[in-house]
Amino acid sequence: MHISRFHYLTQDLPNISHQDLAEIACKNGIKWLQLRVKNKSLDEYLFIAKEVKRITDKYKSTLIINDNVEICKEINADGVHLGKNDLAPLEARKILGSNKIIGATANTVIDILQHQNDGANYIGLGPYKFTNTKKNLSPVLGVEAYTEIFKNNNFQIPIVAIGGIQLADMKILMNTGVYGIAVSSAINLSNQKEKTIADFLQLV
């Protein structure tokens, strides 16, 4: 099961839809898209997810659903990403079966080892920096904590840095030992999304 080194996340924004964000992302070479919808009804989330699935299918990109195992199953997405307060990876696996990708959020070494034991396919480790994208933020890690986490541990699972990551953070982060990077608002809030995407993909 291939896990990309670059994860792109959509987000709720007033002036552009998840569908439009997905189209721009996939059209410009993003091959791993996480649909991250908050504060919408299940019906709305499902509608958006079906539309985005059409887009990711068209561009042969991997589609991961944030938080919602039922929607992942309903639209036959490639997988689900589970936050700290969502279903545990073990439970999600029972619902989704062995072929779906399951990602899980971690903030500490203990979290990583737990998710690894529970059969997650990759870890989103963060937040790297403060981010407005997420409410109820876990303690911010920063580059020192990332370096420390990788220095003494040989994890058997791909670990992706998440949380407030900008272009300027890429080089230093990739040197800590992380497998990959997840980016949301650095692209979504950019006035030149195509260029920003190209710059990120070049650095990964």
Protein backbone atom coordinates (compact mmCIF):
# COMPACT_ATOMS: atom_id res chain seq x y z
CA MET A 1 0.00 0.00 0.00
CA HIS A 2 1.69 3.20 -1.18
CA ILE A 3 1.55 6.20 1.15
CA SER A 4 2.36 9.50 -0.55
CA ARG A 5 5.04 11.81 0.84
CA PHE A 6 2.81 14.83 0.21
CA HIS A 7 -0.68 15.01 1.71
CA TYR A 8 -3.00 17.85 0.77
CA LEU A 9 -6.06 18.69 2.90
CA THR A 10 -9.09 20.69 1.80
CA GLN A 11 -10.74 22.98 4.34
CA ASP A 12 -13.98 24.90 4.89
CA LEU A 13 -13.57 28.36 3.34
CA PRO A 14 -16.23 31.01 2.67
CA ASN A 15 -15.25 31.83 -0.91
CA ILE A 16 -14.29 28.47 -2.46
CA SER A 17 -15.81 25.00 -2.26
CA HIS A 18 -14.10 21.73 -1.36
CA GLN A 19 -14.89 20.59 -4.90
CA ASP A 20 -13.06 23.58 -6.42
CA LEU A 21 -10.09 23.10 -4.09
CA ALA A 22 -9.95 19.42 -5.05
CA GLU A 23 -10.10 20.20 -8.77
CA ILE A 24 -7.26 22.75 -8.54
CA ALA A 25 -5.15 20.38 -6.41
CA CYS A 26 -5.55 17.30 -8.61
CA LYS A 27 -5.20 19.25 -11.84
CA ASN A 28 -1.84 20.55 -10.60
CA GLY A 29 -0.38 17.16 -9.75
CA ILE A 30 -1.50 16.39 -6.19
CA LYS A 31 -1.93 12.64 -5.87
CA TRP A 32 -3.10 12.39 -2.24
CA LEU A 33 -6.08 14.43 -1.12
CA GLN A 34 -7.73 14.40 2.28
CA LEU A 35 -11.26 15.79 2.32
CA ARG A 36 -11.61 17.67 5.59
CA VAL A 37 -15.16 18.93 6.13
CA LYS A 38 -16.21 20.40 9.49
CA ASN A 39 -19.50 21.78 10.84
CA LYS A 40 -21.67 20.40 8.04
CA SER A 41 -24.54 17.95 8.29
CA LEU A 42 -23.90 14.33 7.34
CA ASP A 43 -25.96 14.80 4.16
CA GLU A 44 -23.89 17.82 3.13
CA TYR A 45 -20.63 16.01 3.88
CA LEU A 46 -21.82 13.02 1.85
CA PHE A 47 -22.80 15.22 -1.11
CA ILE A 48 -19.41 16.98 -1.09
CA ALA A 49 -17.58 13.65 -0.70
CA LYS A 50 -19.32 12.12 -3.72
CA GLU A 51 -18.46 15.15 -5.86
CA VAL A 52 -14.82 15.14 -4.71
CA LYS A 53 -14.57 11.39 -5.34
CA ARG A 54 -15.53 12.02 -8.98
CA ILE A 55 -12.67 14.51 -9.21
CA THR A 56 -10.05 12.27 -7.56
CA ASP A 57 -11.17 9.35 -9.75
CA LYS A 58 -10.78 11.49 -12.85
CA TYR A 59 -7.17 12.37 -11.94
CA LYS A 60 -6.38 8.95 -10.38
CA SER A 61 -5.58 10.58 -7.03
CA THR A 62 -5.94 8.89 -3.64
CA LEU A 63 -8.94 10.15 -1.63
CA ILE A 64 -8.85 10.04 2.17
CA ILE A 65 -11.91 11.08 4.19
CA ASN A 66 -11.23 13.00 7.39
CA ASP A 67 -12.88 11.63 10.56
CA ASN A 68 -15.84 9.86 8.99
CA VAL A 69 -15.64 6.09 8.54
CA GLU A 70 -19.26 5.81 7.34
CA ILE A 71 -18.74 8.27 4.50
CA CYS A 72 -15.48 6.57 3.53
CA LYS A 73 -17.36 3.27 3.24
CA GLU A 74 -20.42 4.75 1.54
CA ILE A 75 -18.51 6.39 -1.34
CA ASN A 76 -15.75 3.74 -1.44
CA ALA A 77 -12.96 6.26 -0.80
CA ASP A 78 -9.40 4.94 -0.53
CA GLY A 79 -9.28 5.45 3.21
CA VAL A 80 -9.94 7.51 6.31
CA HIS A 81 -7.89 9.73 8.60
CA LEU A 82 -8.83 9.52 12.29
CA GLY A 83 -8.25 12.33 14.78
CA LYS A 84 -7.55 11.90 18.48
CA ASN A 85 -11.27 11.95 19.36
CA ASP A 86 -12.51 9.79 16.51
CA LEU A 87 -12.98 6.06 16.24
CA ALA A 88 -9.86 4.01 17.07
CA PRO A 89 -7.98 2.47 14.09
CA LEU A 90 -8.88 -1.04 15.31
CA GLU A 91 -12.60 -0.21 15.23
CA ALA A 92 -12.34 1.52 11.87
CA ARG A 93 -10.57 -1.53 10.44
CA LYS A 94 -13.50 -3.77 11.45
CA ILE A 95 -15.87 -1.54 9.49
CA LEU A 96 -13.66 -0.84 6.45
CA GLY A 97 -11.85 -4.16 6.02
CA SER A 98 -8.20 -4.80 5.26
CA ASN A 99 -7.88 -2.98 1.92
CA LYS A 100 -8.62 0.58 3.04
CA ILE A 101 -5.94 3.02 4.18
CA ILE A 102 -6.27 4.14 7.80
CA GLY A 103 -4.32 7.16 9.02
CA ALA A 104 -4.28 8.34 12.62
CA THR A 105 -3.25 11.54 14.37
CA ALA A 106 -0.49 11.40 16.99
CA ASN A 107 1.07 13.97 19.31
CA THR A 108 3.54 11.76 21.24
CA VAL A 109 5.71 8.67 20.84
CA ILE A 110 3.14 6.71 22.89
CA ASP A 111 0.41 7.72 20.39
CA ILE A 112 2.58 6.59 17.46
CA LEU A 113 3.33 3.18 18.98
CA GLN A 114 -0.31 2.66 19.92
CA HIS A 115 -1.53 3.44 16.38
CA GLN A 116 1.24 1.30 14.89
CA ASN A 117 0.14 -1.64 17.06
CA ASP A 118 -3.50 -1.01 16.16
CA GLY A 119 -2.78 -1.44 12.46
CA ALA A 120 -2.85 2.14 11.18
CA ASN A 121 -1.14 2.53 7.77
CA TYR A 122 0.37 5.95 8.44
CA ILE A 123 0.57 8.59 11.19
CA GLY A 124 -0.11 12.31 11.03
CA LEU A 125 2.23 13.70 13.70
CA GLY A 126 1.58 17.21 14.97
CA PRO A 127 0.81 19.95 15.21
CA TYR A 128 4.15 21.23 13.98
CA LYS A 129 3.09 24.84 14.56
CA PHE A 130 0.02 26.67 15.76
CA THR A 131 -2.76 26.42 13.20
CA ASN A 132 -6.21 27.99 12.94
CA THR A 133 -7.37 25.08 10.80
CA LYS A 134 -7.87 22.90 13.86
CA LYS A 135 -9.84 23.57 17.04
CA ASN A 136 -8.75 22.02 20.39
CA LEU A 137 -5.15 21.86 19.30
CA SER A 138 -2.80 19.34 20.93
CA PRO A 139 0.52 20.72 22.30
CA VAL A 140 2.58 22.24 19.47
CA LEU A 141 5.69 20.15 18.74
CA GLY A 142 8.07 22.31 16.73
CA VAL A 143 11.22 21.11 15.02
CA GLU A 144 13.02 20.16 18.27
CA ALA A 145 10.30 17.70 19.31
CA TYR A 146 10.22 16.13 15.84
CA THR A 147 13.99 15.68 15.89
CA GLU A 148 13.82 14.18 19.39
CA ILE A 149 10.98 11.80 18.48
CA PHE A 150 12.88 10.38 15.49
CA LYS A 151 16.30 10.32 17.13
CA ASN A 152 15.59 7.50 19.57
CA ASN A 153 12.92 5.53 17.74
CA ASN A 154 12.87 3.34 14.69
CA PHE A 155 9.19 3.40 13.72
CA GLN A 156 7.81 0.80 11.33
CA ILE A 157 5.19 3.18 9.93
CA PRO A 158 5.29 6.24 7.62
CA ILE A 159 5.00 9.43 9.68
CA VAL A 160 3.74 12.63 8.10
CA ALA A 161 4.22 16.07 9.70
CA ILE A 162 0.99 18.07 10.09
CA GLY A 163 -0.10 21.47 11.37
CA GLY A 164 0.57 24.96 10.08
CA ILE A 165 3.33 23.94 7.65
CA GLN A 166 4.53 26.57 5.18
CA LEU A 167 7.00 26.41 2.27
CA ALA A 168 9.77 27.81 4.45
CA ASP A 169 9.41 24.88 6.90
CA MET A 170 9.87 22.15 4.33
CA LYS A 171 13.65 21.70 4.22
CA ILE A 172 14.15 21.71 7.97
CA LEU A 173 11.20 19.36 8.51
CA MET A 174 12.28 16.84 5.90
CA ASN A 175 15.64 16.64 7.70
CA THR A 176 14.08 15.56 11.01
CA GLY A 177 13.30 12.06 9.78
CA VAL A 178 9.63 12.47 8.85
CA TYR A 179 8.41 10.43 5.89
CA GLY A 180 6.27 13.19 4.46
CA ILE A 181 4.40 16.47 4.90
CA ALA A 182 0.71 17.41 5.08
CA VAL A 183 -0.36 20.88 3.93
CA SER A 184 -3.66 22.69 4.07
CA SER A 185 -3.97 26.48 4.41
CA ALA A 186 -0.56 27.25 2.85
CA ILE A 187 -2.17 26.16 -0.43
CA ASN A 188 -5.84 26.91 0.26
CA LEU A 189 -5.21 30.54 1.27
CA SER A 190 -2.63 31.20 -1.44
CA ASN A 191 -3.49 33.73 -4.15
CA GLN A 192 -1.40 31.66 -6.56
CA LYS A 193 -2.49 28.13 -5.73
CA GLU A 194 -0.97 26.54 -8.84
CA LYS A 195 2.45 28.05 -8.14
CA THR A 196 2.30 27.19 -4.43
CA ILE A 197 1.42 23.57 -5.22
CA ALA A 198 4.30 23.34 -7.73
CA ASP A 199 6.72 24.79 -5.15
CA PHE A 200 5.65 22.26 -2.50
CA LEU A 201 5.79 19.28 -4.86
CA GLN A 202 9.26 20.29 -5.96
CA LEU A 203 10.51 20.30 -2.34
CA VAL A 204 9.03 16.89 -1.53
